[in-house]
Amino acid sequence: MDDVDFDELVASLTLREENQAIKSYQNTVAVACPACEARFDDLVVCKENPTSLNLSKQLDLCVGSADGQAVLFTHKK
């Protein structure tokens, strides 16, 4: 994700949840995933190390990092 402007990417998304462990954004404008170039559904920023995620559905994930934090791009199946 070195060539991706993370702040610009996040500015295009809608904040859905923020707590001590994560920050979650919804992709409401069909931004392309920087890893696979397909539209992604949500972006999850892991603020704590380690962080546990409880996923309620099966998802494909693309993973990157920004500012030393893991970022997950979810793709609903």
N, C-alpha and C. Protein backbone atom coordinates (compact mmCIF):
# COMPACT_ATOMS: atom_id res chain seq x y z
N MET A 1 0.81 -1.20 0.00
CA MET A 1 0.00 0.00 0.00
C MET A 1 0.85 1.26 0.00
N ASP A 2 2.12 1.11 -0.29
CA ASP A 2 3.01 2.26 -0.29
C ASP A 2 2.61 3.32 -1.31
N ASP A 3 2.03 2.89 -2.43
CA ASP A 3 1.66 3.84 -3.47
C ASP A 3 0.22 4.35 -3.34
N VAL A 4 -0.47 3.99 -2.25
CA VAL A 4 -1.86 4.41 -2.02
C VAL A 4 -1.88 5.54 -1.00
N ASP A 5 -2.61 6.61 -1.31
CA ASP A 5 -2.80 7.70 -0.34
C ASP A 5 -3.91 7.26 0.61
N PHE A 6 -3.51 6.71 1.77
CA PHE A 6 -4.47 6.14 2.71
C PHE A 6 -5.46 7.18 3.22
N ASP A 7 -5.00 8.39 3.51
CA ASP A 7 -5.91 9.43 4.00
C ASP A 7 -6.96 9.78 2.95
N GLU A 8 -6.57 9.83 1.70
CA GLU A 8 -7.51 10.11 0.61
C GLU A 8 -8.51 8.96 0.47
N LEU A 9 -8.03 7.73 0.58
CA LEU A 9 -8.90 6.56 0.51
C LEU A 9 -9.95 6.60 1.61
N VAL A 10 -9.52 6.82 2.85
CA VAL A 10 -10.45 6.85 3.99
C VAL A 10 -11.44 8.00 3.87
N ALA A 11 -11.02 9.12 3.30
CA ALA A 11 -11.91 10.27 3.14
C ALA A 11 -13.08 9.95 2.21
N SER A 12 -12.93 8.94 1.35
CA SER A 12 -13.98 8.54 0.43
C SER A 12 -14.99 7.58 1.06
N LEU A 13 -14.69 7.07 2.24
CA LEU A 13 -15.50 6.03 2.88
C LEU A 13 -16.37 6.62 4.00
N THR A 14 -17.34 5.82 4.47
CA THR A 14 -18.25 6.23 5.53
C THR A 14 -17.88 5.50 6.82
N LEU A 15 -17.54 6.25 7.87
CA LEU A 15 -17.21 5.65 9.17
C LEU A 15 -18.44 4.96 9.73
N ARG A 16 -18.30 3.69 10.12
CA ARG A 16 -19.42 2.92 10.68
C ARG A 16 -19.24 2.59 12.15
N GLU A 17 -18.01 2.33 12.57
CA GLU A 17 -17.78 1.93 13.96
C GLU A 17 -16.36 2.30 14.35
N GLU A 18 -16.23 2.75 15.58
CA GLU A 18 -14.90 2.97 16.14
C GLU A 18 -14.93 2.59 17.61
N ASN A 19 -13.97 1.77 18.01
CA ASN A 19 -13.81 1.43 19.42
C ASN A 19 -12.32 1.34 19.70
N GLN A 20 -11.96 0.84 20.85
CA GLN A 20 -10.56 0.79 21.25
C GLN A 20 -9.72 -0.08 20.32
N ALA A 21 -10.31 -1.13 19.76
CA ALA A 21 -9.55 -2.10 18.97
C ALA A 21 -9.56 -1.85 17.47
N ILE A 22 -10.70 -1.35 16.94
CA ILE A 22 -10.81 -1.21 15.48
C ILE A 22 -11.51 0.08 15.08
N LYS A 23 -11.36 0.40 13.81
CA LYS A 23 -12.12 1.46 13.17
C LYS A 23 -12.65 0.83 11.88
N SER A 24 -13.96 0.92 11.62
CA SER A 24 -14.57 0.27 10.48
C SER A 24 -15.25 1.30 9.58
N TYR A 25 -14.99 1.18 8.28
CA TYR A 25 -15.57 2.08 7.28
C TYR A 25 -16.33 1.26 6.24
N GLN A 26 -17.43 1.81 5.74
CA GLN A 26 -18.18 1.19 4.67
C GLN A 26 -17.85 1.89 3.35
N ASN A 27 -17.69 1.11 2.32
CA ASN A 27 -17.39 1.63 0.99
C ASN A 27 -18.72 1.89 0.26
N THR A 28 -19.24 3.09 0.39
CA THR A 28 -20.54 3.43 -0.20
C THR A 28 -20.42 4.04 -1.59
N VAL A 29 -19.20 4.25 -2.08
CA VAL A 29 -19.01 4.89 -3.38
C VAL A 29 -18.22 4.01 -4.37
N ALA A 30 -18.12 2.72 -4.11
CA ALA A 30 -17.52 1.74 -5.01
C ALA A 30 -16.04 2.01 -5.30
N VAL A 31 -15.27 2.33 -4.27
CA VAL A 31 -13.82 2.50 -4.40
C VAL A 31 -13.19 1.13 -4.65
N ALA A 32 -12.18 1.09 -5.49
CA ALA A 32 -11.49 -0.17 -5.79
C ALA A 32 -10.49 -0.52 -4.69
N CYS A 33 -10.38 -1.80 -4.41
CA CYS A 33 -9.41 -2.31 -3.43
C CYS A 33 -8.00 -2.12 -3.97
N PRO A 34 -7.09 -1.55 -3.18
CA PRO A 34 -5.73 -1.35 -3.66
C PRO A 34 -4.97 -2.67 -3.91
N ALA A 35 -5.41 -3.76 -3.29
CA ALA A 35 -4.71 -5.04 -3.46
C ALA A 35 -5.16 -5.79 -4.71
N CYS A 36 -6.48 -5.90 -4.91
CA CYS A 36 -6.98 -6.72 -6.02
C CYS A 36 -7.72 -5.92 -7.09
N GLU A 37 -7.95 -4.65 -6.84
CA GLU A 37 -8.60 -3.72 -7.76
C GLU A 37 -10.09 -3.97 -7.96
N ALA A 38 -10.69 -4.91 -7.21
CA ALA A 38 -12.15 -5.10 -7.24
C ALA A 38 -12.77 -4.18 -6.19
N ARG A 39 -14.04 -3.89 -6.34
CA ARG A 39 -14.74 -3.09 -5.34
C ARG A 39 -14.73 -3.85 -4.01
N PHE A 40 -14.43 -3.17 -2.92
CA PHE A 40 -14.49 -3.81 -1.61
C PHE A 40 -15.71 -3.29 -0.85
N ASP A 41 -16.12 -4.01 0.19
CA ASP A 41 -17.31 -3.64 0.95
C ASP A 41 -16.98 -2.79 2.17
N ASP A 42 -16.01 -3.23 2.95
CA ASP A 42 -15.65 -2.53 4.18
C ASP A 42 -14.14 -2.48 4.33
N LEU A 43 -13.69 -1.48 5.05
CA LEU A 43 -12.28 -1.35 5.43
C LEU A 43 -12.24 -1.40 6.95
N VAL A 44 -11.42 -2.28 7.49
CA VAL A 44 -11.24 -2.40 8.94
C VAL A 44 -9.80 -2.06 9.26
N VAL A 45 -9.60 -1.07 10.13
CA VAL A 45 -8.28 -0.68 10.59
C VAL A 45 -8.09 -1.25 11.99
N CYS A 46 -7.08 -2.07 12.19
CA CYS A 46 -6.80 -2.67 13.49
C CYS A 46 -5.92 -1.70 14.28
N LYS A 47 -6.47 -1.17 15.36
CA LYS A 47 -5.76 -0.17 16.16
C LYS A 47 -4.90 -0.77 17.26
N GLU A 48 -5.22 -1.99 17.69
CA GLU A 48 -4.46 -2.67 18.73
C GLU A 48 -3.74 -3.86 18.13
N ASN A 49 -2.62 -4.23 18.75
CA ASN A 49 -1.89 -5.40 18.33
C ASN A 49 -1.70 -6.31 19.53
N PRO A 50 -2.24 -7.49 19.54
CA PRO A 50 -3.08 -8.11 18.53
C PRO A 50 -4.54 -7.66 18.67
N THR A 51 -5.30 -7.89 17.62
CA THR A 51 -6.72 -7.59 17.59
C THR A 51 -7.47 -8.83 17.12
N SER A 52 -8.57 -9.13 17.77
CA SER A 52 -9.41 -10.25 17.38
C SER A 52 -10.68 -9.72 16.72
N LEU A 53 -11.04 -10.32 15.60
CA LEU A 53 -12.26 -9.92 14.89
C LEU A 53 -13.25 -11.08 14.91
N ASN A 54 -14.48 -10.77 15.22
CA ASN A 54 -15.56 -11.76 15.19
C ASN A 54 -16.40 -11.47 13.95
N LEU A 55 -16.19 -12.26 12.91
CA LEU A 55 -16.88 -12.03 11.65
C LEU A 55 -18.19 -12.80 11.62
N SER A 56 -19.26 -12.12 11.24
CA SER A 56 -20.58 -12.74 11.24
C SER A 56 -20.89 -13.43 9.92
N LYS A 57 -20.06 -13.24 8.90
CA LYS A 57 -20.29 -13.89 7.61
C LYS A 57 -18.96 -14.24 6.97
N GLN A 58 -19.01 -15.12 5.99
CA GLN A 58 -17.80 -15.52 5.29
C GLN A 58 -17.40 -14.43 4.31
N LEU A 59 -16.13 -14.02 4.38
CA LEU A 59 -15.63 -12.92 3.56
C LEU A 59 -14.30 -13.30 2.93
N ASP A 60 -14.04 -12.72 1.76
CA ASP A 60 -12.69 -12.73 1.23
C ASP A 60 -12.01 -11.49 1.78
N LEU A 61 -10.74 -11.58 2.11
CA LEU A 61 -10.01 -10.46 2.69
C LEU A 61 -8.77 -10.14 1.87
N CYS A 62 -8.51 -8.85 1.71
CA CYS A 62 -7.23 -8.36 1.22
C CYS A 62 -6.61 -7.61 2.40
N VAL A 63 -5.31 -7.72 2.59
CA VAL A 63 -4.65 -7.18 3.77
C VAL A 63 -3.52 -6.25 3.35
N GLY A 64 -3.37 -5.18 4.12
CA GLY A 64 -2.27 -4.26 3.91
C GLY A 64 -1.92 -3.60 5.24
N SER A 65 -1.09 -2.57 5.18
CA SER A 65 -0.79 -1.81 6.38
C SER A 65 -0.67 -0.35 6.03
N ALA A 66 -1.01 0.49 7.00
CA ALA A 66 -0.91 1.94 6.84
C ALA A 66 -0.56 2.53 8.19
N ASP A 67 0.45 3.35 8.23
CA ASP A 67 0.88 3.99 9.48
C ASP A 67 1.13 2.97 10.58
N GLY A 68 1.68 1.80 10.21
CA GLY A 68 2.01 0.77 11.19
C GLY A 68 0.83 -0.02 11.71
N GLN A 69 -0.36 0.15 11.10
CA GLN A 69 -1.55 -0.57 11.53
C GLN A 69 -2.01 -1.49 10.39
N ALA A 70 -2.49 -2.68 10.76
CA ALA A 70 -3.04 -3.60 9.77
C ALA A 70 -4.37 -3.06 9.27
N VAL A 71 -4.59 -3.17 7.97
CA VAL A 71 -5.87 -2.78 7.37
C VAL A 71 -6.41 -3.96 6.56
N LEU A 72 -7.69 -4.22 6.70
CA LEU A 72 -8.35 -5.33 6.01
C LEU A 72 -9.41 -4.77 5.08
N PHE A 73 -9.39 -5.22 3.84
CA PHE A 73 -10.44 -4.86 2.88
C PHE A 73 -11.32 -6.09 2.72
N THR A 74 -12.61 -5.99 3.06
CA THR A 74 -13.49 -7.14 3.00
C THR A 74 -14.24 -7.17 1.68
N HIS A 75 -14.45 -8.38 1.20
CA HIS A 75 -15.21 -8.63 -0.03
C HIS A 75 -16.26 -9.70 0.32
N LYS A 76 -17.53 -9.32 0.31
CA LYS A 76 -18.59 -10.29 0.61
C LYS A 76 -18.67 -11.31 -0.50
N LYS A 77 -18.91 -12.55 -0.13
CA LYS A 77 -19.01 -13.64 -1.13
C LYS A 77 -20.39 -13.68 -1.71
